N, C-alpha and C. Protein backbone atom coordinates (compact mmCIF):
# COMPACT_ATOMS: atom_id res chain seq x y z
N MET A 1 1.04 -0.85 -0.09
CA MET A 1 -0.14 -0.14 0.09
C MET A 1 1.13 1.15 -0.10
N ALA A 2 0.19 2.19 -0.63
CA ALA A 2 1.06 3.64 -0.90
C ALA A 2 1.08 4.45 0.36
N ARG A 3 2.38 4.90 0.66
CA ARG A 3 2.54 5.81 1.70
C ARG A 3 2.00 6.99 1.62
N VAL A 4 1.19 7.38 3.13
CA VAL A 4 0.00 9.06 2.66
C VAL A 4 0.95 9.98 3.90
N LYS A 5 1.65 10.91 2.58
CA LYS A 5 1.92 12.06 4.12
C LYS A 5 0.93 12.95 4.37
N ARG A 6 -0.12 12.77 3.27
CA ARG A 6 -1.02 14.44 3.54
C ARG A 6 -0.42 15.55 3.48
N GLY A 7 0.32 16.28 2.41
CA GLY A 7 0.78 17.33 2.57
C GLY A 7 -0.11 18.59 1.99
N THR A 8 -0.74 18.35 1.55
CA THR A 8 -1.30 19.40 0.69
C THR A 8 -2.98 19.52 1.48
N LYS A 9 -3.65 18.61 1.92
CA LYS A 9 -4.76 18.32 2.72
C LYS A 9 -4.36 19.18 4.11
N ARG A 10 -3.25 18.41 4.62
CA ARG A 10 -2.71 18.70 6.13
C ARG A 10 -2.50 20.68 6.29
N ARG A 11 -1.73 21.25 5.09
CA ARG A 11 -1.60 22.43 5.40
C ARG A 11 -2.60 23.16 5.01
N ALA A 12 -3.93 22.43 4.43
CA ALA A 12 -5.30 23.27 3.79
C ALA A 12 -6.15 23.52 4.96
N ARG A 13 -6.06 21.96 5.81
CA ARG A 13 -6.93 22.23 6.97
C ARG A 13 -6.41 22.93 8.06
N ARG A 14 -4.98 23.34 7.95
CA ARG A 14 -4.63 24.30 9.60
C ARG A 14 -4.37 25.60 8.95
N LYS A 15 -4.46 25.73 7.91
CA LYS A 15 -4.62 27.36 6.93
C LYS A 15 -6.24 28.06 7.64
N LYS A 16 -6.98 26.93 7.67
CA LYS A 16 -8.36 27.41 7.43
C LYS A 16 -8.62 27.61 8.99
N LEU A 17 -8.02 26.74 9.87
CA LEU A 17 -7.89 26.70 11.16
C LEU A 17 -7.07 27.97 11.62
N LEU A 18 -6.25 28.58 11.10
CA LEU A 18 -5.67 29.51 11.32
C LEU A 18 -6.37 31.03 10.47
N LYS A 19 -6.88 30.87 9.87
CA LYS A 19 -7.78 31.88 9.67
C LYS A 19 -8.92 32.10 10.32
N HIS A 20 -9.44 31.53 11.33
CA HIS A 20 -10.29 31.82 12.49
C HIS A 20 -9.59 32.36 13.42
N THR A 21 -8.12 32.06 13.39
CA THR A 21 -7.69 32.56 14.67
C THR A 21 -6.94 34.38 14.29
N LYS A 22 -7.68 34.92 13.37
CA LYS A 22 -6.99 35.99 13.13
C LYS A 22 -7.06 37.16 14.20
N GLY A 23 -6.31 38.27 14.38
CA GLY A 23 -6.38 38.92 15.83
C GLY A 23 -6.14 38.34 17.25
N PHE A 24 -5.88 36.65 17.22
CA PHE A 24 -6.16 36.20 18.90
C PHE A 24 -4.30 36.70 19.16
N PHE A 25 -4.46 37.19 20.31
CA PHE A 25 -3.18 37.14 21.00
C PHE A 25 -1.83 36.46 21.06
N LEU A 26 -0.88 36.98 20.76
CA LEU A 26 0.57 35.96 20.87
C LEU A 26 0.15 34.48 20.00
N THR A 27 0.43 33.46 20.19
CA THR A 27 0.60 32.04 19.97
C THR A 27 -0.85 31.42 19.82
N LYS A 28 -1.82 32.24 20.21
CA LYS A 28 -3.21 31.44 20.09
C LYS A 28 -3.55 31.97 18.57
N GLY A 29 -2.68 33.12 17.95
CA GLY A 29 -3.21 33.14 16.43
C GLY A 29 -2.12 32.59 15.50
N LYS A 30 -1.33 31.92 15.97
CA LYS A 30 0.05 31.63 15.11
C LYS A 30 0.53 30.39 15.00
N LEU A 31 0.58 29.50 16.26
CA LEU A 31 0.63 28.31 16.15
C LEU A 31 -0.28 27.59 16.19
N TYR A 32 -0.47 26.24 15.89
CA TYR A 32 -1.29 25.80 15.45
C TYR A 32 -2.09 24.78 16.67
N ARG A 33 -1.26 24.03 17.27
CA ARG A 33 -1.60 23.68 18.55
C ARG A 33 -2.72 24.85 19.59
N SER A 34 -2.01 25.94 19.95
CA SER A 34 -2.56 26.90 20.72
C SER A 34 -3.83 27.16 19.80
N ALA A 35 -3.57 27.47 18.45
CA ALA A 35 -4.67 27.88 18.16
C ALA A 35 -6.22 27.41 18.06
N ARG A 36 -5.78 25.91 17.50
CA ARG A 36 -6.94 24.63 17.60
C ARG A 36 -7.63 24.83 18.82
N GLU A 37 -6.69 24.83 19.86
CA GLU A 37 -7.44 24.85 21.30
C GLU A 37 -8.46 26.32 21.62
N ALA A 38 -7.76 27.30 20.65
CA ALA A 38 -8.40 28.27 21.10
C ALA A 38 -9.99 28.84 20.02
N VAL A 39 -9.71 28.03 19.29
CA VAL A 39 -10.91 27.97 18.28
C VAL A 39 -12.09 27.20 18.93
N ASN A 40 -11.78 25.72 19.28
CA ASN A 40 -12.33 25.36 19.84
C ASN A 40 -13.20 26.25 20.88
N ARG A 41 -12.68 26.72 22.18
CA ARG A 41 -13.00 27.24 23.47
C ARG A 41 -13.95 29.05 22.61
N SER A 42 -13.40 29.27 21.89
CA SER A 42 -14.18 30.56 20.87
C SER A 42 -15.32 29.95 20.48
N LEU A 43 -15.46 29.09 19.29
CA LEU A 43 -17.04 28.21 18.88
C LEU A 43 -17.59 27.64 20.46
N ARG A 44 -17.18 27.16 21.36
CA ARG A 44 -18.12 26.29 22.34
C ARG A 44 -18.58 28.33 22.93
N TYR A 45 -18.13 29.08 23.05
CA TYR A 45 -18.38 30.33 23.91
C TYR A 45 -19.65 30.83 23.15
N SER A 46 -19.04 30.99 21.58
CA SER A 46 -20.29 31.89 20.56
C SER A 46 -21.35 30.70 20.81
N TYR A 47 -21.57 29.58 20.88
CA TYR A 47 -22.89 28.79 20.89
C TYR A 47 -23.33 29.17 22.18
N ARG A 48 -23.03 28.93 23.27
CA ARG A 48 -23.56 29.27 24.83
C ARG A 48 -24.02 30.84 24.77
N ASP A 49 -23.74 31.52 23.81
CA ASP A 49 -23.76 33.14 24.27
C ASP A 49 -24.73 33.63 23.21
N ARG A 50 -24.68 32.58 21.91
CA ARG A 50 -25.76 33.17 21.18
C ARG A 50 -27.13 32.86 21.83
N ARG A 51 -27.42 31.86 22.90
CA ARG A 51 -28.42 32.06 23.58
C ARG A 51 -28.85 32.77 24.83
N ALA A 52 -27.18 32.66 25.77
CA ALA A 52 -27.67 33.64 26.79
C ALA A 52 -28.27 35.13 26.12
N ARG A 53 -27.86 35.67 25.18
CA ARG A 53 -27.75 36.97 24.36
C ARG A 53 -29.80 36.68 24.35
N LYS A 54 -30.52 36.28 23.93
CA LYS A 54 -31.54 36.04 24.34
C LYS A 54 -32.26 36.17 25.73
N ARG A 55 -32.02 35.63 26.34
CA ARG A 55 -32.15 35.72 28.06
C ARG A 55 -31.68 37.23 28.46
N ASP A 56 -30.33 37.48 27.74
CA ASP A 56 -30.61 38.95 28.53
C ASP A 56 -31.09 39.84 28.30
N PHE A 57 -31.36 39.84 26.72
CA PHE A 57 -32.54 40.97 26.00
C PHE A 57 -33.71 40.96 26.46
N ARG A 58 -34.46 39.58 26.90
CA ARG A 58 -35.66 39.67 27.45
C ARG A 58 -35.61 40.38 29.13
N ALA A 59 -34.51 40.41 29.61
CA ALA A 59 -34.67 40.90 30.78
C ALA A 59 -34.52 41.71 30.39
N LEU A 60 -33.68 43.06 29.83
CA LEU A 60 -33.49 44.11 29.35
C LEU A 60 -35.01 44.40 28.83
N TRP A 61 -35.79 43.95 28.32
CA TRP A 61 -37.36 44.39 27.85
C TRP A 61 -37.97 44.17 28.79
N ILE A 62 -37.66 43.50 30.18
CA ILE A 62 -38.55 43.64 30.90
C ILE A 62 -38.18 44.48 32.00
N GLN A 63 -37.06 44.72 32.38
CA GLN A 63 -36.92 46.38 33.15
C GLN A 63 -37.55 47.64 32.38
N ARG A 64 -36.91 47.21 31.39
CA ARG A 64 -37.84 48.95 30.78
C ARG A 64 -39.34 49.16 30.79
N ILE A 65 -40.00 47.54 30.39
CA ILE A 65 -41.65 47.93 30.39
C ILE A 65 -41.57 48.37 31.91
N GLY A 66 -40.75 47.29 33.39
CA GLY A 66 -41.35 47.60 34.49
C GLY A 66 -41.25 49.25 34.57
N ALA A 67 -40.17 49.76 34.35
CA ALA A 67 -39.31 51.12 34.75
C ALA A 67 -40.96 51.89 33.96
N ALA A 68 -41.00 51.32 32.61
CA ALA A 68 -42.45 53.04 32.15
C ALA A 68 -43.54 52.49 32.71
N ALA A 69 -43.70 51.07 33.19
CA ALA A 69 -44.71 50.54 33.78
C ALA A 69 -44.78 51.70 35.11
N ARG A 70 -44.35 51.66 35.84
CA ARG A 70 -44.40 52.27 37.05
C ARG A 70 -44.67 53.42 37.24
N ALA A 71 -43.89 54.33 35.87
CA ALA A 71 -44.16 55.67 35.63
C ALA A 71 -45.37 56.12 35.34
N ASN A 72 -46.43 55.48 34.97
CA ASN A 72 -47.35 55.37 34.80
C ASN A 72 -48.33 54.97 35.64
N GLY A 73 -48.25 54.83 36.93
CA GLY A 73 -48.93 54.14 37.45
C GLY A 73 -49.01 52.91 37.96
N THR A 74 -48.64 52.13 37.29
CA THR A 74 -48.80 50.35 37.31
C THR A 74 -47.63 49.86 37.60
N THR A 75 -47.88 48.25 37.61
CA THR A 75 -47.27 47.52 37.72
C THR A 75 -46.62 46.78 36.87
N TYR A 76 -45.23 46.04 36.07
CA TYR A 76 -45.35 45.40 35.18
C TYR A 76 -46.12 44.04 34.92
N SER A 77 -46.31 43.62 36.47
CA SER A 77 -47.22 42.28 36.00
C SER A 77 -48.89 42.10 36.13
N GLN A 78 -48.92 44.05 36.79
CA GLN A 78 -50.75 44.46 36.38
C GLN A 78 -50.88 44.25 34.89
N LEU A 79 -49.32 45.55 33.87
CA LEU A 79 -49.82 45.77 32.95
C LEU A 79 -49.55 44.37 31.90
N ILE A 80 -49.01 43.06 32.33
CA ILE A 80 -49.06 42.22 31.37
C ILE A 80 -50.45 41.36 31.50
N HIS A 81 -51.23 41.55 32.54
CA HIS A 81 -52.44 40.62 32.91
C HIS A 81 -53.08 41.57 32.02
N GLY A 82 -53.69 43.09 32.21
CA GLY A 82 -54.01 43.69 31.36
C GLY A 82 -54.06 43.37 30.14
N LEU A 83 -52.65 43.44 29.60
CA LEU A 83 -52.69 43.27 28.00
C LEU A 83 -53.43 41.68 27.50
N LYS A 84 -52.97 40.57 28.94
CA LYS A 84 -53.80 39.45 28.08
C LYS A 84 -55.04 39.27 28.42
N ALA A 85 -55.85 39.93 29.44
CA ALA A 85 -56.72 40.25 29.51
C ALA A 85 -57.86 41.25 28.71
N GLY A 86 -57.12 41.94 28.07
CA GLY A 86 -57.77 43.10 27.03
C GLY A 86 -57.58 42.07 25.41
N GLY A 87 -57.10 41.11 25.31
CA GLY A 87 -57.03 40.36 24.08
C GLY A 87 -55.89 40.99 22.85
N ILE A 88 -55.19 41.65 23.61
CA ILE A 88 -53.92 42.56 23.01
C ILE A 88 -52.46 41.60 22.87
N GLU A 89 -51.97 41.40 22.02
CA GLU A 89 -51.29 40.51 21.64
C GLU A 89 -50.00 41.25 20.97
N ILE A 90 -49.01 41.83 22.49
CA ILE A 90 -47.92 42.40 22.05
C ILE A 90 -46.82 41.91 22.58
N ASP A 91 -45.85 41.72 21.60
CA ASP A 91 -44.73 40.86 22.62
C ASP A 91 -43.63 42.18 23.22
N ARG A 92 -42.67 41.84 24.51
CA ARG A 92 -42.08 42.28 25.24
C ARG A 92 -40.84 43.35 24.17
N LYS A 93 -40.51 42.97 23.20
CA LYS A 93 -40.01 43.80 22.30
C LYS A 93 -40.48 44.63 21.83
N ILE A 94 -41.18 44.79 22.03
CA ILE A 94 -42.21 45.75 21.29
C ILE A 94 -42.70 47.08 22.11
N LEU A 95 -43.26 45.99 23.56
CA LEU A 95 -43.49 46.98 24.28
C LEU A 95 -42.12 47.77 25.06
N ALA A 96 -41.23 47.39 24.91
CA ALA A 96 -39.85 47.94 25.47
C ALA A 96 -39.40 48.83 24.61
N ASP A 97 -39.42 48.49 23.28
CA ASP A 97 -39.35 49.88 22.20
C ASP A 97 -40.12 51.17 22.67
N MET A 98 -41.43 50.86 22.20
CA MET A 98 -42.32 51.83 23.23
C MET A 98 -41.75 52.48 23.90
N ALA A 99 -41.90 51.69 25.00
CA ALA A 99 -41.68 52.24 26.58
C ALA A 99 -40.64 53.64 26.44
N VAL A 100 -39.30 53.10 25.59
CA VAL A 100 -38.29 54.07 25.35
C VAL A 100 -38.38 55.15 24.45
N ARG A 101 -38.91 54.89 22.84
CA ARG A 101 -38.78 55.69 22.08
C ARG A 101 -40.52 56.24 22.07
N ASP A 102 -41.52 55.99 22.40
CA ASP A 102 -42.73 56.40 22.25
C ASP A 102 -43.27 56.22 23.50
N ALA A 103 -43.19 57.16 24.48
CA ALA A 103 -43.42 57.22 25.78
C ALA A 103 -45.08 57.32 26.09
N GLU A 104 -45.67 58.09 25.22
CA GLU A 104 -46.92 58.81 24.88
C GLU A 104 -47.44 57.63 24.20
N GLY A 105 -47.17 57.18 23.35
CA GLY A 105 -48.01 55.77 22.89
C GLY A 105 -47.87 54.98 23.58
N PHE A 106 -47.36 54.67 24.79
CA PHE A 106 -47.31 53.53 25.95
C PHE A 106 -47.97 53.89 27.06
N ARG A 107 -47.85 55.48 26.82
CA ARG A 107 -49.06 56.04 28.42
C ARG A 107 -50.66 55.72 28.08
N ALA A 108 -50.59 55.69 26.57
CA ALA A 108 -51.84 55.55 26.00
C ALA A 108 -52.45 53.88 26.45
N LEU A 109 -51.39 53.09 25.71
CA LEU A 109 -51.76 52.14 26.21
C LEU A 109 -52.43 51.63 27.28
N VAL A 110 -51.38 52.01 28.46
CA VAL A 110 -51.64 51.91 29.57
C VAL A 110 -52.95 52.49 29.95
N ARG A 111 -53.37 53.23 29.72
CA ARG A 111 -54.52 54.19 29.96
C ARG A 111 -55.71 53.24 29.45
N SER A 112 -55.66 52.62 28.13
CA SER A 112 -57.15 51.80 27.36
C SER A 112 -56.97 50.40 28.22
N LEU A 113 -55.86 49.92 29.28
CA LEU A 113 -55.72 48.73 29.90
C LEU A 113 -56.48 49.09 31.50
N GLU A 114 -56.74 50.23 31.40
CA GLU A 114 -57.26 50.76 32.94
C GLU A 114 -58.68 49.96 33.43
N PRO A 115 -59.47 49.26 32.27
CA PRO A 115 -60.61 48.47 33.13
C PRO A 115 -60.05 47.47 33.52
N HIS A 116 -59.49 46.63 32.35
CA HIS A 116 -58.97 45.23 32.65
C HIS A 116 -57.88 45.05 34.48
N ARG A 117 -57.40 46.39 34.67
CA ARG A 117 -56.48 46.27 35.52
C ARG A 117 -56.80 46.30 36.57
N LYS A 118 -58.27 47.12 36.54
CA LYS A 118 -59.24 47.14 38.28
C LYS A 118 -60.31 46.04 38.24
N SER A 119 -60.82 45.00 37.11
CA SER A 119 -61.11 44.22 37.48
C SER A 119 -60.59 43.10 37.81
N ALA A 120 -59.29 43.01 37.47
CA ALA A 120 -58.22 41.89 38.15
C ALA A 120 -58.02 42.54 39.55
N ALA A 121 -57.90 43.62 40.18
CA ALA A 121 -57.75 44.10 41.36
C ALA A 121 -58.45 43.45 42.38
N THR A 122 -60.14 43.74 42.17
CA THR A 122 -61.01 43.77 42.87
C THR A 122 -61.70 42.06 43.20
N PRO A 123 -61.24 41.89 44.43
CA PRO A 123 -61.42 40.18 44.81
C PRO A 123 -62.44 40.07 44.11
N GLN A 124 -62.83 38.41 43.78
CA GLN A 124 -64.17 37.49 43.27
C GLN A 124 -64.62 36.93 44.46
N PRO A 125 -66.39 37.71 44.56
CA PRO A 125 -66.88 36.30 45.35
C PRO A 125 -66.94 35.16 45.56
N ALA A 126 -66.75 34.50 46.59
CA ALA A 126 -66.89 33.35 46.36
C ALA A 126 -67.91 32.54 46.29
N ALA A 127 -67.97 31.68 45.84
CA ALA A 127 -69.53 31.10 45.59
C ALA A 127 -70.00 29.76 45.99
């Protein structure tokens, strides 16, 4: 059987990996073994953080909505309950954007939910 040294294939694989490490510090961008470890780690972090970013943004939206709701005399939970009771399907991303960019529109939305909020606050009689 013929001997295989993998000259061009090996070089191509290593060049492809080293292309990923452009801008890495010291040997992590130049030496193959350290570069391979750095690329593997960076791919793990990027996979993990793509999911964490979704959580972070949702938390940010909730904080913004809560702050705007308190400024308009209600709480975050009452606002969300009023939206559900009023049949208004608007997601937190859009609500947060309204709270930041269109304060008057957000205030009008909170005012439109007033009847639903009050009905939820009054206790129901026991049957």
